[in-house]
Amino acid sequence: DEFTNFMLLENQAAADMSDRTYQVRYAEGEVSHASELSANAKSVNHRDMIEGILVLPKQERVVSHSRDGTIRAWSATNLQHHRTIKVSDAWVTDCKYFEQSNRIGVTCADRTISFYDSAIFDLLGHLTNLDTSPLCLGYWNDQHQGREKMIVGDDLGN
């Protein structure tokens, strides 16, 4: 009897707590609804899951990267599409901004790392035929040596 009463009271307390509602208020912002988008809007959207989003404050751009093998640049103020870059046929696994050199490093599952100019998004170079697939990038601006350093994490745990 005592155990049954305990269980009923615990269950009722849990139900009372779950009945409480909380309201979250967000600042009013401009939202573009699907009906308001242009006819070619689907061509600017990623074709697969977005793996990450990178903010470029100096350029007022946002860069998204996806499993569809592309990076896409957007205006940070209104999310207007700026440019799409086909990096690879493989997944783009990560993307980092190199502040000192004003470059974007892009890793792909096809064992490549590509570098782009972050202002005009032109390809600057590739590291190809890596031994493993790079999955993530780290960036460190070593001000003591005046150099940027890139750290790569791969599919073997290195």
N, C-alpha and C. Protein backbone atom coordinates (compact mmCIF):
# COMPACT_ATOMS: atom_id res chain seq x y z
N ASP A 1 0.81 -1.19 0.00
CA ASP A 1 0.00 0.00 0.00
C ASP A 1 0.86 1.27 0.00
N GLU A 2 1.86 1.27 0.86
CA GLU A 2 2.74 2.45 0.95
C GLU A 2 3.48 2.68 -0.37
N PHE A 3 3.97 1.61 -1.00
CA PHE A 3 4.67 1.74 -2.28
C PHE A 3 3.74 2.25 -3.37
N THR A 4 2.52 1.75 -3.41
CA THR A 4 1.54 2.19 -4.41
C THR A 4 1.23 3.67 -4.25
N ASN A 5 1.04 4.12 -3.01
CA ASN A 5 0.79 5.55 -2.77
C ASN A 5 1.98 6.39 -3.22
N PHE A 6 3.18 5.92 -2.93
CA PHE A 6 4.38 6.64 -3.35
C PHE A 6 4.42 6.78 -4.87
N MET A 7 4.16 5.68 -5.58
CA MET A 7 4.20 5.70 -7.04
C MET A 7 3.13 6.63 -7.61
N LEU A 8 1.94 6.63 -7.04
CA LEU A 8 0.87 7.51 -7.52
C LEU A 8 1.24 8.98 -7.30
N LEU A 9 1.78 9.30 -6.14
CA LEU A 9 2.17 10.68 -5.85
C LEU A 9 3.32 11.13 -6.75
N GLU A 10 4.29 10.27 -6.98
CA GLU A 10 5.40 10.61 -7.87
C GLU A 10 4.91 10.85 -9.29
N ASN A 11 4.01 9.98 -9.75
CA ASN A 11 3.48 10.12 -11.10
C ASN A 11 2.68 11.41 -11.23
N GLN A 12 1.90 11.75 -10.21
CA GLN A 12 1.10 12.98 -10.24
C GLN A 12 2.02 14.20 -10.23
N ALA A 13 3.09 14.17 -9.46
CA ALA A 13 4.04 15.29 -9.42
C ALA A 13 4.72 15.46 -10.77
N ALA A 14 5.08 14.37 -11.41
CA ALA A 14 5.71 14.44 -12.73
C ALA A 14 4.73 14.99 -13.75
N ALA A 15 3.47 14.58 -13.67
CA ALA A 15 2.45 15.08 -14.60
C ALA A 15 2.22 16.58 -14.39
N ASP A 16 2.20 17.01 -13.12
CA ASP A 16 2.02 18.44 -12.84
C ASP A 16 3.15 19.26 -13.44
N MET A 17 4.37 18.76 -13.34
CA MET A 17 5.51 19.50 -13.88
C MET A 17 5.46 19.55 -15.40
N SER A 18 5.01 18.48 -16.04
CA SER A 18 4.97 18.47 -17.50
C SER A 18 3.83 19.33 -18.03
N ASP A 19 2.82 19.62 -17.19
CA ASP A 19 1.71 20.46 -17.62
C ASP A 19 2.08 21.94 -17.66
N ARG A 20 3.13 22.30 -16.99
CA ARG A 20 3.55 23.70 -16.99
C ARG A 20 4.04 24.07 -18.39
N THR A 21 3.63 25.20 -18.83
CA THR A 21 4.05 25.64 -20.16
C THR A 21 4.96 26.85 -20.04
N TYR A 22 5.89 26.91 -20.93
CA TYR A 22 6.83 28.01 -20.98
C TYR A 22 6.73 28.64 -22.35
N GLN A 23 6.77 29.94 -22.39
CA GLN A 23 6.74 30.64 -23.67
C GLN A 23 8.08 31.28 -23.91
N VAL A 24 8.59 31.07 -25.10
CA VAL A 24 9.84 31.70 -25.50
C VAL A 24 9.48 32.75 -26.53
N ARG A 25 9.94 33.96 -26.31
CA ARG A 25 9.65 35.03 -27.25
C ARG A 25 10.92 35.39 -28.01
N TYR A 26 10.78 35.47 -29.30
CA TYR A 26 11.89 35.82 -30.17
C TYR A 26 11.67 37.21 -30.72
N ALA A 27 12.77 37.88 -30.97
CA ALA A 27 12.68 39.20 -31.58
C ALA A 27 12.10 39.06 -32.98
N GLU A 28 11.30 40.05 -33.35
CA GLU A 28 10.71 40.03 -34.68
C GLU A 28 11.81 40.18 -35.72
N GLY A 29 11.77 39.37 -36.72
CA GLY A 29 12.75 39.44 -37.78
C GLY A 29 12.07 39.21 -39.11
N GLU A 30 12.80 39.39 -40.16
CA GLU A 30 12.25 39.16 -41.48
C GLU A 30 12.45 37.70 -41.85
N VAL A 31 11.36 37.05 -42.18
CA VAL A 31 11.41 35.65 -42.58
C VAL A 31 10.89 35.56 -44.00
N SER A 32 11.65 34.92 -44.85
CA SER A 32 11.20 34.72 -46.22
C SER A 32 10.42 33.42 -46.29
N HIS A 33 9.18 33.50 -46.68
CA HIS A 33 8.35 32.32 -46.82
C HIS A 33 8.52 31.74 -48.21
N ALA A 34 8.25 30.47 -48.35
CA ALA A 34 8.46 29.79 -49.63
C ALA A 34 7.70 30.48 -50.76
N SER A 35 6.52 31.00 -50.46
CA SER A 35 5.73 31.64 -51.51
C SER A 35 6.35 32.95 -51.99
N GLU A 36 7.21 33.54 -51.16
CA GLU A 36 7.84 34.81 -51.51
C GLU A 36 9.15 34.63 -52.26
N LEU A 37 9.67 33.42 -52.30
CA LEU A 37 10.96 33.20 -52.94
C LEU A 37 10.81 33.19 -54.45
N SER A 38 11.89 33.49 -55.12
CA SER A 38 11.85 33.52 -56.58
C SER A 38 11.71 32.11 -57.15
N ALA A 39 11.41 32.04 -58.43
CA ALA A 39 11.19 30.75 -59.09
C ALA A 39 12.42 29.86 -59.08
N ASN A 40 13.61 30.45 -59.06
CA ASN A 40 14.83 29.64 -59.07
C ASN A 40 15.36 29.37 -57.68
N ALA A 41 14.56 29.58 -56.65
CA ALA A 41 15.02 29.41 -55.27
C ALA A 41 15.50 28.00 -55.01
N LYS A 42 14.85 27.01 -55.58
CA LYS A 42 15.26 25.63 -55.33
C LYS A 42 16.65 25.36 -55.88
N SER A 43 17.06 26.08 -56.89
CA SER A 43 18.39 25.85 -57.45
C SER A 43 19.49 26.39 -56.55
N VAL A 44 19.17 27.28 -55.62
CA VAL A 44 20.20 27.82 -54.72
C VAL A 44 20.27 27.04 -53.42
N ASN A 45 19.29 26.21 -53.13
CA ASN A 45 19.30 25.43 -51.91
C ASN A 45 20.18 24.20 -52.06
N HIS A 46 20.72 23.74 -50.94
CA HIS A 46 21.52 22.50 -50.95
C HIS A 46 20.63 21.32 -51.32
N ARG A 47 21.22 20.33 -51.95
CA ARG A 47 20.49 19.14 -52.37
C ARG A 47 20.56 18.02 -51.33
N ASP A 48 21.36 18.22 -50.30
CA ASP A 48 21.51 17.21 -49.25
C ASP A 48 21.69 17.93 -47.92
N MET A 49 21.87 17.16 -46.87
CA MET A 49 21.98 17.71 -45.53
C MET A 49 23.13 18.70 -45.39
N ILE A 50 22.87 19.81 -44.72
CA ILE A 50 23.91 20.81 -44.45
C ILE A 50 24.74 20.30 -43.28
N GLU A 51 26.06 20.26 -43.47
CA GLU A 51 26.98 19.78 -42.44
C GLU A 51 27.42 20.90 -41.50
N GLY A 52 27.42 22.14 -41.96
CA GLY A 52 27.85 23.22 -41.10
C GLY A 52 27.66 24.58 -41.74
N ILE A 53 27.77 25.60 -40.89
CA ILE A 53 27.62 26.99 -41.32
C ILE A 53 28.78 27.78 -40.77
N LEU A 54 29.38 28.58 -41.63
CA LEU A 54 30.54 29.38 -41.30
C LEU A 54 30.19 30.85 -41.48
N VAL A 55 30.53 31.69 -40.52
CA VAL A 55 30.26 33.12 -40.61
C VAL A 55 31.54 33.85 -40.98
N LEU A 56 31.46 34.70 -42.00
CA LEU A 56 32.58 35.55 -42.43
C LEU A 56 32.22 36.99 -42.09
N PRO A 57 32.60 37.47 -40.90
CA PRO A 57 32.14 38.79 -40.46
C PRO A 57 32.64 39.94 -41.33
N LYS A 58 33.88 39.88 -41.78
CA LYS A 58 34.42 40.98 -42.59
C LYS A 58 33.66 41.14 -43.90
N GLN A 59 33.28 40.04 -44.51
CA GLN A 59 32.60 40.07 -45.80
C GLN A 59 31.08 40.14 -45.65
N GLU A 60 30.61 40.07 -44.41
CA GLU A 60 29.18 40.00 -44.13
C GLU A 60 28.52 38.88 -44.92
N ARG A 61 29.15 37.71 -44.87
CA ARG A 61 28.66 36.53 -45.58
C ARG A 61 28.53 35.36 -44.61
N VAL A 62 27.66 34.46 -44.97
CA VAL A 62 27.49 33.19 -44.29
C VAL A 62 27.75 32.12 -45.34
N VAL A 63 28.55 31.12 -45.00
CA VAL A 63 28.87 30.03 -45.94
C VAL A 63 28.35 28.73 -45.34
N SER A 64 27.52 28.04 -46.11
CA SER A 64 27.03 26.73 -45.68
C SER A 64 27.73 25.66 -46.51
N HIS A 65 27.98 24.52 -45.88
CA HIS A 65 28.58 23.41 -46.62
C HIS A 65 27.75 22.15 -46.38
N SER A 66 27.73 21.30 -47.40
CA SER A 66 26.75 20.22 -47.39
C SER A 66 27.32 18.92 -47.93
N ARG A 67 26.55 17.88 -47.70
CA ARG A 67 26.89 16.56 -48.24
C ARG A 67 26.71 16.51 -49.75
N ASP A 68 26.14 17.56 -50.34
CA ASP A 68 25.97 17.57 -51.79
C ASP A 68 27.25 17.98 -52.52
N GLY A 69 28.33 18.22 -51.77
CA GLY A 69 29.62 18.55 -52.38
C GLY A 69 29.80 20.02 -52.71
N THR A 70 28.92 20.87 -52.19
CA THR A 70 29.01 22.30 -52.48
C THR A 70 29.18 23.12 -51.21
N ILE A 71 29.72 24.33 -51.41
CA ILE A 71 29.62 25.38 -50.41
C ILE A 71 28.81 26.49 -51.06
N ARG A 72 28.00 27.16 -50.26
CA ARG A 72 27.15 28.22 -50.79
C ARG A 72 27.30 29.43 -49.90
N ALA A 73 27.51 30.57 -50.56
CA ALA A 73 27.69 31.83 -49.83
C ALA A 73 26.38 32.61 -49.86
N TRP A 74 26.07 33.21 -48.72
CA TRP A 74 24.82 33.95 -48.55
C TRP A 74 25.13 35.29 -47.89
N SER A 75 24.32 36.28 -48.14
CA SER A 75 24.45 37.56 -47.45
C SER A 75 24.06 37.35 -45.99
N ALA A 76 24.87 37.87 -45.08
CA ALA A 76 24.58 37.72 -43.66
C ALA A 76 23.40 38.59 -43.23
N THR A 77 23.13 39.65 -43.97
CA THR A 77 22.07 40.57 -43.56
C THR A 77 20.68 40.10 -43.97
N ASN A 78 20.55 39.50 -45.16
CA ASN A 78 19.21 39.10 -45.60
C ASN A 78 19.14 37.66 -46.12
N LEU A 79 20.23 36.92 -46.01
CA LEU A 79 20.34 35.52 -46.46
C LEU A 79 20.06 35.35 -47.95
N GLN A 80 20.34 36.37 -48.71
CA GLN A 80 20.23 36.30 -50.17
C GLN A 80 21.40 35.46 -50.70
N HIS A 81 21.11 34.55 -51.62
CA HIS A 81 22.15 33.69 -52.18
C HIS A 81 23.16 34.53 -52.96
N HIS A 82 24.44 34.27 -52.73
CA HIS A 82 25.50 35.00 -53.41
C HIS A 82 26.19 34.13 -54.47
N ARG A 83 26.59 32.93 -54.05
CA ARG A 83 27.34 32.08 -54.98
C ARG A 83 27.32 30.62 -54.50
N THR A 84 27.36 29.70 -55.46
CA THR A 84 27.48 28.27 -55.19
C THR A 84 28.77 27.77 -55.81
N ILE A 85 29.53 27.01 -55.04
CA ILE A 85 30.79 26.46 -55.53
C ILE A 85 30.73 24.95 -55.40
N LYS A 86 30.87 24.25 -56.52
CA LYS A 86 30.93 22.79 -56.51
C LYS A 86 32.36 22.40 -56.16
N VAL A 87 32.56 21.94 -54.95
CA VAL A 87 33.89 21.58 -54.46
C VAL A 87 34.26 20.18 -54.91
N SER A 88 33.31 19.25 -54.81
CA SER A 88 33.60 17.85 -55.08
C SER A 88 32.30 17.10 -55.33
N ASP A 89 32.42 15.87 -55.81
CA ASP A 89 31.27 14.99 -55.89
C ASP A 89 31.04 14.29 -54.55
N ALA A 90 32.02 14.37 -53.66
CA ALA A 90 31.94 13.76 -52.34
C ALA A 90 31.41 14.78 -51.33
N TRP A 91 31.11 14.30 -50.12
CA TRP A 91 30.63 15.17 -49.05
C TRP A 91 31.66 16.22 -48.70
N VAL A 92 31.20 17.42 -48.46
CA VAL A 92 32.03 18.44 -47.83
C VAL A 92 31.86 18.22 -46.34
N THR A 93 32.96 17.89 -45.66
CA THR A 93 32.87 17.51 -44.25
C THR A 93 33.09 18.66 -43.29
N ASP A 94 33.87 19.68 -43.70
CA ASP A 94 34.08 20.84 -42.82
C ASP A 94 34.57 22.02 -43.63
N CYS A 95 34.51 23.17 -43.00
CA CYS A 95 34.86 24.42 -43.66
C CYS A 95 35.34 25.38 -42.56
N LYS A 96 36.50 25.99 -42.74
CA LYS A 96 37.03 26.94 -41.75
C LYS A 96 37.53 28.20 -42.44
N TYR A 97 37.43 29.30 -41.72
CA TYR A 97 37.90 30.59 -42.21
C TYR A 97 39.28 30.87 -41.62
N PHE A 98 40.23 31.19 -42.49
CA PHE A 98 41.58 31.54 -42.08
C PHE A 98 41.69 33.06 -42.13
N GLU A 99 41.58 33.66 -40.96
CA GLU A 99 41.42 35.11 -40.85
C GLU A 99 42.61 35.89 -41.40
N GLN A 100 43.80 35.48 -41.08
CA GLN A 100 45.00 36.23 -41.48
C GLN A 100 45.18 36.24 -42.99
N SER A 101 44.98 35.11 -43.64
CA SER A 101 45.18 35.02 -45.09
C SER A 101 43.89 35.21 -45.88
N ASN A 102 42.78 35.39 -45.18
CA ASN A 102 41.49 35.64 -45.82
C ASN A 102 41.09 34.50 -46.76
N ARG A 103 41.26 33.27 -46.27
CA ARG A 103 40.95 32.08 -47.07
C ARG A 103 39.95 31.20 -46.35
N ILE A 104 39.33 30.34 -47.13
CA ILE A 104 38.43 29.33 -46.58
C ILE A 104 39.04 27.97 -46.91
N GLY A 105 39.21 27.13 -45.90
CA GLY A 105 39.66 25.76 -46.10
C GLY A 105 38.45 24.84 -46.09
N VAL A 106 38.37 23.94 -47.07
CA VAL A 106 37.22 23.05 -47.22
C VAL A 106 37.72 21.61 -47.30
N THR A 107 37.25 20.76 -46.39
CA THR A 107 37.63 19.34 -46.41
C THR A 107 36.51 18.52 -47.04
N CYS A 108 36.92 17.47 -47.76
CA CYS A 108 35.95 16.59 -48.43
C CYS A 108 36.25 15.14 -48.12
N ALA A 109 35.23 14.32 -48.21
CA ALA A 109 35.37 12.89 -47.94
C ALA A 109 36.20 12.18 -49.00
N ASP A 110 36.49 12.84 -50.12
CA ASP A 110 37.31 12.23 -51.17
C ASP A 110 38.81 12.43 -50.93
N ARG A 111 39.18 12.74 -49.68
CA ARG A 111 40.57 12.89 -49.25
C ARG A 111 41.24 14.13 -49.86
N THR A 112 40.50 15.23 -49.93
CA THR A 112 41.07 16.48 -50.42
C THR A 112 40.76 17.61 -49.44
N ILE A 113 41.63 18.61 -49.49
CA ILE A 113 41.39 19.88 -48.81
C ILE A 113 41.59 20.97 -49.86
N SER A 114 40.59 21.82 -50.02
CA SER A 114 40.65 22.90 -51.01
C SER A 114 40.66 24.24 -50.29
N PHE A 115 41.28 25.22 -50.93
CA PHE A 115 41.37 26.56 -50.35
C PHE A 115 40.80 27.57 -51.33
N TYR A 116 39.95 28.46 -50.80
CA TYR A 116 39.28 29.48 -51.61
C TYR A 116 39.54 30.86 -51.02
N ASP A 117 39.58 31.85 -51.88
CA ASP A 117 39.64 33.25 -51.46
C ASP A 117 38.27 33.59 -50.87
N SER A 118 38.22 34.08 -49.64
CA SER A 118 36.93 34.31 -49.00
C SER A 118 36.22 35.56 -49.50
N ALA A 119 36.91 36.42 -50.22
CA ALA A 119 36.27 37.63 -50.74
C ALA A 119 35.55 37.36 -52.05
N ILE A 120 36.20 36.59 -52.95
CA ILE A 120 35.61 36.36 -54.28
C ILE A 120 35.33 34.89 -54.56
N PHE A 121 35.70 34.02 -53.62
CA PHE A 121 35.42 32.59 -53.68
C PHE A 121 36.08 31.89 -54.87
N ASP A 122 37.22 32.38 -55.29
CA ASP A 122 37.99 31.70 -56.33
C ASP A 122 38.86 30.62 -55.69
N LEU A 123 39.05 29.52 -56.40
CA LEU A 123 39.89 28.43 -55.93
C LEU A 123 41.35 28.87 -55.93
N LEU A 124 42.04 28.65 -54.80
CA LEU A 124 43.45 29.01 -54.69
C LEU A 124 44.36 27.80 -54.78
N GLY A 125 43.86 26.63 -54.38
CA GLY A 125 44.69 25.43 -54.44
C GLY A 125 44.04 24.25 -53.75
N HIS A 126 44.65 23.07 -53.94
CA HIS A 126 44.15 21.80 -53.39
C HIS A 126 45.29 21.06 -52.70
N LEU A 127 44.95 20.31 -51.69
CA LEU A 127 45.79 19.23 -51.18
C LEU A 127 45.03 17.96 -51.53
N THR A 128 45.62 17.11 -52.37
CA THR A 128 44.89 15.94 -52.86
C THR A 128 45.59 14.65 -52.47
N ASN A 129 44.89 13.55 -52.66
CA ASN A 129 45.42 12.21 -52.40
C ASN A 129 45.97 12.05 -50.99
N LEU A 130 45.26 12.62 -50.02
CA LEU A 130 45.65 12.43 -48.62
C LEU A 130 45.47 10.96 -48.26
N ASP A 131 46.19 10.50 -47.26
CA ASP A 131 46.11 9.09 -46.86
C ASP A 131 44.76 8.73 -46.24
N THR A 132 44.10 9.71 -45.63
CA THR A 132 42.82 9.48 -44.97
C THR A 132 41.84 10.58 -45.37
N SER A 133 40.59 10.40 -45.00
CA SER A 133 39.57 11.42 -45.29
C SER A 133 39.54 12.45 -44.18
N PRO A 134 39.78 13.71 -44.50
CA PRO A 134 39.71 14.75 -43.47
C PRO A 134 38.25 15.01 -43.11
N LEU A 135 37.93 14.96 -41.83
CA LEU A 135 36.56 15.16 -41.39
C LEU A 135 36.33 16.52 -40.75
N CYS A 136 37.38 17.09 -40.14
CA CYS A 136 37.21 18.39 -39.50
C CYS A 136 38.51 19.17 -39.55
N LEU A 137 38.35 20.48 -39.52
CA LEU A 137 39.49 21.40 -39.56
C LEU A 137 39.52 22.23 -38.29
N GLY A 138 40.71 22.53 -37.86
CA GLY A 138 40.91 23.49 -36.79
C GLY A 138 41.81 24.59 -37.29
N TYR A 139 41.64 25.78 -36.74
CA TYR A 139 42.43 26.93 -37.18
C TYR A 139 43.03 27.60 -35.96
N TRP A 140 44.30 27.96 -36.10
CA TRP A 140 44.97 28.68 -35.03
C TRP A 140 45.85 29.74 -35.66
N ASN A 141 45.66 30.98 -35.23
CA ASN A 141 46.48 32.09 -35.69
C ASN A 141 47.62 32.25 -34.69
N ASP A 142 48.79 31.71 -35.01
CA ASP A 142 49.96 31.75 -34.13
C ASP A 142 50.64 33.11 -34.28
N GLN A 143 50.27 34.04 -33.43
CA GLN A 143 50.78 35.40 -33.53
C GLN A 143 52.25 35.50 -33.12
N HIS A 144 52.74 34.55 -32.33
CA HIS A 144 54.15 34.56 -31.94
C HIS A 144 55.05 34.29 -33.14
N GLN A 145 54.63 33.40 -34.01
CA GLN A 145 55.41 33.08 -35.21
C GLN A 145 54.89 33.81 -36.44
N GLY A 146 53.76 34.51 -36.30
CA GLY A 146 53.19 35.23 -37.43
C GLY A 146 52.66 34.33 -38.53
N ARG A 147 52.18 33.14 -38.15
CA ARG A 147 51.69 32.19 -39.14
C ARG A 147 50.34 31.62 -38.71
N GLU A 148 49.61 31.17 -39.71
CA GLU A 148 48.38 30.45 -39.44
C GLU A 148 48.70 28.96 -39.41
N LYS A 149 47.95 28.24 -38.58
CA LYS A 149 48.15 26.80 -38.52
C LYS A 149 46.81 26.11 -38.71
N MET A 150 46.86 25.05 -39.49
CA MET A 150 45.67 24.25 -39.76
C MET A 150 45.84 22.90 -39.09
N ILE A 151 44.80 22.48 -38.40
CA ILE A 151 44.80 21.18 -37.74
C ILE A 151 43.70 20.36 -38.39
N VAL A 152 44.03 19.13 -38.78
CA VAL A 152 43.07 18.28 -39.50
C VAL A 152 42.77 17.04 -38.68
N GLY A 153 41.49 16.76 -38.49
CA GLY A 153 41.04 15.51 -37.87
C GLY A 153 40.51 14.60 -38.96
N ASP A 154 40.88 13.32 -38.91
CA ASP A 154 40.50 12.43 -40.01
C ASP A 154 39.67 11.24 -39.55
N ASP A 155 39.34 10.37 -40.49
CA ASP A 155 38.48 9.23 -40.21
C ASP A 155 39.17 8.10 -39.46
N LEU A 156 40.46 8.22 -39.18
CA LEU A 156 41.18 7.23 -38.38
C LEU A 156 41.45 7.71 -36.96
N GLY A 157 40.92 8.88 -36.61
CA GLY A 157 41.10 9.41 -35.27
C GLY A 157 42.36 10.22 -35.08
N ASN A 158 43.05 10.55 -36.16
CA ASN A 158 44.26 11.36 -36.08
C ASN A 158 43.91 12.83 -36.03
